[in-house]
Amino acid sequence: MKTILVIDDDEDLNEALKEVLELKGYKVFCAFNGLQGLKLLNEVKPDLVITDIVMPEQDGLGFLGSAVDTSLNYPCKIIAISGGGRITSQNYLACADAFGVDAVLEKPFTFAKLH
């Protein structure tokens, strides 16, 4: 069974993604900031991470910087999501894209776009 880690400070979004992805047959873990996400990344070794960019404690960019190995590779596929914050979501997603993520999605998005 493939494992997905969802990192977002929006509990409702985490729960909705978890429900939809579990119905599709995935095992899903949720974290609410980059620090929790990094801990779970190392514990569960997911096949995919879906991470928000704007979060408290450690944001998604901090998570992305911490998640790379010494060869600057990620241990799994990563999708960055953002609804914006102090700057537009496109700017945050452009930063995430520069980190080498596999895909970016602007919030709000449909679950169909995750495929």
C-alpha atoms as a PDB file:
ATOM      1  CA  MET A   1       0.000   0.000   0.000  1.00  0.00           C
ATOM      2  CA  LYS A   2       1.375   3.426  -0.979  1.00  0.00           C
ATOM      3  CA  THR A   3       1.788   5.954   1.818  1.00  0.00           C
ATOM      4  CA  ILE A   4       1.074   9.688   1.603  1.00  0.00           C
ATOM      5  CA  LEU A   5       2.047  12.382   4.091  1.00  0.00           C
ATOM      6  CA  VAL A   6      -0.138  15.510   4.085  1.00  0.00           C
ATOM      7  CA  ILE A   7       1.340  18.593   5.774  1.00  0.00           C
ATOM      8  CA  ASP A   8      -1.019  21.545   6.194  1.00  0.00           C
ATOM      9  CA  ASP A   9      -2.037  23.709   9.138  1.00  0.00           C
ATOM     10  CA  ASP A  10      -5.666  23.610   7.947  1.00  0.00           C
ATOM     11  CA  GLU A  11      -7.143  20.675   9.878  1.00  0.00           C
ATOM     12  CA  ASP A  12     -10.249  20.548   7.663  1.00  0.00           C
ATOM     13  CA  LEU A  13      -8.149  20.256   4.508  1.00  0.00           C
ATOM     14  CA  ASN A  14      -5.962  17.570   6.099  1.00  0.00           C
ATOM     15  CA  GLU A  15      -9.043  15.571   7.070  1.00  0.00           C
ATOM     16  CA  ALA A  16     -10.681  15.967   3.652  1.00  0.00           C
ATOM     17  CA  LEU A  17      -7.515  14.900   1.823  1.00  0.00           C
ATOM     18  CA  LYS A  18      -7.071  11.982   4.206  1.00  0.00           C
ATOM     19  CA  GLU A  19     -10.624  10.741   3.644  1.00  0.00           C
ATOM     20  CA  VAL A  20     -10.445  11.019  -0.150  1.00  0.00           C
ATOM     21  CA  LEU A  21      -7.002   9.441  -0.411  1.00  0.00           C
ATOM     22  CA  GLU A  22      -7.855   6.589   1.954  1.00  0.00           C
ATOM     23  CA  LEU A  23     -10.934   5.825  -0.160  1.00  0.00           C
ATOM     24  CA  LYS A  24      -8.523   5.528  -3.110  1.00  0.00           C
ATOM     25  CA  GLY A  25      -6.528   2.915  -1.168  1.00  0.00           C
ATOM     26  CA  TYR A  26      -3.653   4.987   0.230  1.00  0.00           C
ATOM     27  CA  LYS A  27      -2.375   5.008   3.797  1.00  0.00           C
ATOM     28  CA  VAL A  28      -2.353   8.663   4.901  1.00  0.00           C
ATOM     29  CA  PHE A  29      -0.549  10.460   7.711  1.00  0.00           C
ATOM     30  CA  CYS A  30      -1.148  14.122   8.587  1.00  0.00           C
ATOM     31  CA  ALA A  31       1.058  16.811  10.089  1.00  0.00           C
ATOM     32  CA  PHE A  32       0.184  20.425  10.842  1.00  0.00           C
ATOM     33  CA  ASN A  33       3.542  22.153  10.297  1.00  0.00           C
ATOM     34  CA  GLY A  34       6.915  21.479   8.737  1.00  0.00           C
ATOM     35  CA  LEU A  35       8.522  20.239  11.966  1.00  0.00           C
ATOM     36  CA  GLN A  36       5.850  17.578  12.496  1.00  0.00           C
ATOM     37  CA  GLY A  37       6.066  16.775   8.789  1.00  0.00           C
ATOM     38  CA  LEU A  38       9.817  16.237   8.902  1.00  0.00           C
ATOM     39  CA  LYS A  39       9.462  13.906  11.887  1.00  0.00           C
ATOM     40  CA  LEU A  40       6.776  11.859  10.103  1.00  0.00           C
ATOM     41  CA  LEU A  41       8.769  11.875   6.861  1.00  0.00           C
ATOM     42  CA  ASN A  42      11.613  10.124   8.666  1.00  0.00           C
ATOM     43  CA  GLU A  43       9.325   7.752  10.580  1.00  0.00           C
ATOM     44  CA  VAL A  44       6.892   6.554   7.905  1.00  0.00           C
ATOM     45  CA  LYS A  45       9.001   7.074   4.753  1.00  0.00           C
ATOM     46  CA  PRO A  46       6.045   8.025   2.521  1.00  0.00           C
ATOM     47  CA  ASP A  47       5.864   7.565  -1.231  1.00  0.00           C
ATOM     48  CA  LEU A  48       4.418  11.064  -1.618  1.00  0.00           C
ATOM     49  CA  VAL A  49       4.313  14.265   0.439  1.00  0.00           C
ATOM     50  CA  ILE A  50       1.684  16.947  -0.141  1.00  0.00           C
ATOM     51  CA  THR A  51       2.855  20.051   1.708  1.00  0.00           C
ATOM     52  CA  ASP A  52       1.429  23.502   2.184  1.00  0.00           C
ATOM     53  CA  ILE A  53       3.894  26.374   2.018  1.00  0.00           C
ATOM     54  CA  VAL A  54       2.490  28.902   4.514  1.00  0.00           C
ATOM     55  CA  MET A  55       2.342  27.286   7.980  1.00  0.00           C
ATOM     56  CA  PRO A  56       3.327  28.173  11.552  1.00  0.00           C
ATOM     57  CA  GLU A  57       6.448  26.931  13.354  1.00  0.00           C
ATOM     58  CA  GLN A  58       8.164  25.724  10.183  1.00  0.00           C
ATOM     59  CA  ASP A  59       6.764  26.567   6.784  1.00  0.00           C
ATOM     60  CA  GLY A  60       6.773  24.377   3.706  1.00  0.00           C
ATOM     61  CA  LEU A  61       9.948  25.938   2.294  1.00  0.00           C
ATOM     62  CA  GLY A  62      11.745  25.165   5.555  1.00  0.00           C
ATOM     63  CA  PHE A  63      10.417  21.610   5.338  1.00  0.00           C
ATOM     64  CA  LEU A  64      11.629  21.284   1.741  1.00  0.00           C
ATOM     65  CA  GLY A  65      15.084  22.545   2.693  1.00  0.00           C
ATOM     66  CA  SER A  66      15.286  20.061   5.559  1.00  0.00           C
ATOM     67  CA  ALA A  67      13.904  17.106   3.591  1.00  0.00           C
ATOM     68  CA  VAL A  68      16.652  16.942   0.954  1.00  0.00           C
ATOM     69  CA  ASP A  69      19.508  14.505   1.371  1.00  0.00           C
ATOM     70  CA  THR A  70      23.198  15.295   0.966  1.00  0.00           C
ATOM     71  CA  SER A  71      22.844  14.912  -2.819  1.00  0.00           C
ATOM     72  CA  LEU A  72      19.967  17.463  -2.764  1.00  0.00           C
ATOM     73  CA  ASN A  73      17.411  14.791  -3.642  1.00  0.00           C
ATOM     74  CA  TYR A  74      14.065  14.231  -1.965  1.00  0.00           C
ATOM     75  CA  PRO A  75      13.315  10.770  -0.569  1.00  0.00           C
ATOM     76  CA  CYS A  76       9.926  10.708  -2.328  1.00  0.00           C
ATOM     77  CA  LYS A  77       7.668  12.633  -4.704  1.00  0.00           C
ATOM     78  CA  ILE A  78       6.556  16.028  -3.387  1.00  0.00           C
ATOM     79  CA  ILE A  79       3.578  18.209  -4.292  1.00  0.00           C
ATOM     80  CA  ALA A  80       3.592  21.769  -2.926  1.00  0.00           C
ATOM     81  CA  ILE A  81       0.271  23.544  -2.371  1.00  0.00           C
ATOM     82  CA  SER A  82      -0.483  27.138  -1.415  1.00  0.00           C
ATOM     83  CA  GLY A  83      -3.359  29.556  -1.144  1.00  0.00           C
ATOM     84  CA  GLY A  84      -1.062  32.519  -0.638  1.00  0.00           C
ATOM     85  CA  GLY A  85      -0.324  34.644   2.380  1.00  0.00           C
ATOM     86  CA  ARG A  86       1.702  37.836   2.487  1.00  0.00           C
ATOM     87  CA  ILE A  87       2.450  37.319  -1.196  1.00  0.00           C
ATOM     88  CA  THR A  88       0.413  35.559  -3.871  1.00  0.00           C
ATOM     89  CA  SER A  89       0.194  31.789  -3.999  1.00  0.00           C
ATOM     90  CA  GLN A  90       1.953  31.840  -7.395  1.00  0.00           C
ATOM     91  CA  ASN A  91       5.016  33.435  -5.765  1.00  0.00           C
ATOM     92  CA  TYR A  92       5.098  30.822  -3.001  1.00  0.00           C
ATOM     93  CA  LEU A  93       4.625  28.040  -5.520  1.00  0.00           C
ATOM     94  CA  ALA A  94       7.382  29.454  -7.726  1.00  0.00           C
ATOM     95  CA  CYS A  95       9.705  29.265  -4.715  1.00  0.00           C
ATOM     96  CA  ALA A  96       8.659  25.666  -4.072  1.00  0.00           C
ATOM     97  CA  ASP A  97       9.175  24.855  -7.745  1.00  0.00           C
ATOM     98  CA  ALA A  98      12.713  26.256  -7.470  1.00  0.00           C
ATOM     99  CA  PHE A  99      13.294  23.734  -4.665  1.00  0.00           C
ATOM    100  CA  GLY A 100      12.684  20.986  -7.236  1.00  0.00           C
ATOM    101  CA  VAL A 101       9.297  19.642  -6.153  1.00  0.00           C
ATOM    102  CA  ASP A 102       7.472  17.315  -8.528  1.00  0.00           C
ATOM    103  CA  ALA A 103       4.322  19.440  -8.839  1.00  0.00           C
ATOM    104  CA  VAL A 104       2.653  22.572  -7.491  1.00  0.00           C
ATOM    105  CA  LEU A 105      -1.055  23.222  -6.953  1.00  0.00           C
ATOM    106  CA  GLU A 106      -2.767  26.481  -6.103  1.00  0.00           C
ATOM    107  CA  LYS A 107      -5.488  26.348  -3.449  1.00  0.00           C
ATOM    108  CA  PRO A 108      -8.330  25.822  -3.786  1.00  0.00           C
ATOM    109  CA  PHE A 109      -7.907  22.787  -6.021  1.00  0.00           C
ATOM    110  CA  THR A 110     -10.096  19.840  -6.886  1.00  0.00           C
ATOM    111  CA  PHE A 111      -9.244  16.353  -5.727  1.00  0.00           C
ATOM    112  CA  ALA A 112      -9.165  15.303  -9.378  1.00  0.00           C
ATOM    113  CA  LYS A 113      -6.068  17.485  -9.864  1.00  0.00           C
ATOM    114  CA  LEU A 114      -4.132  15.237  -7.452  1.00  0.00           C
ATOM    115  CA  HIS A 115      -4.144  12.433 -10.016  1.00  0.00           C
END
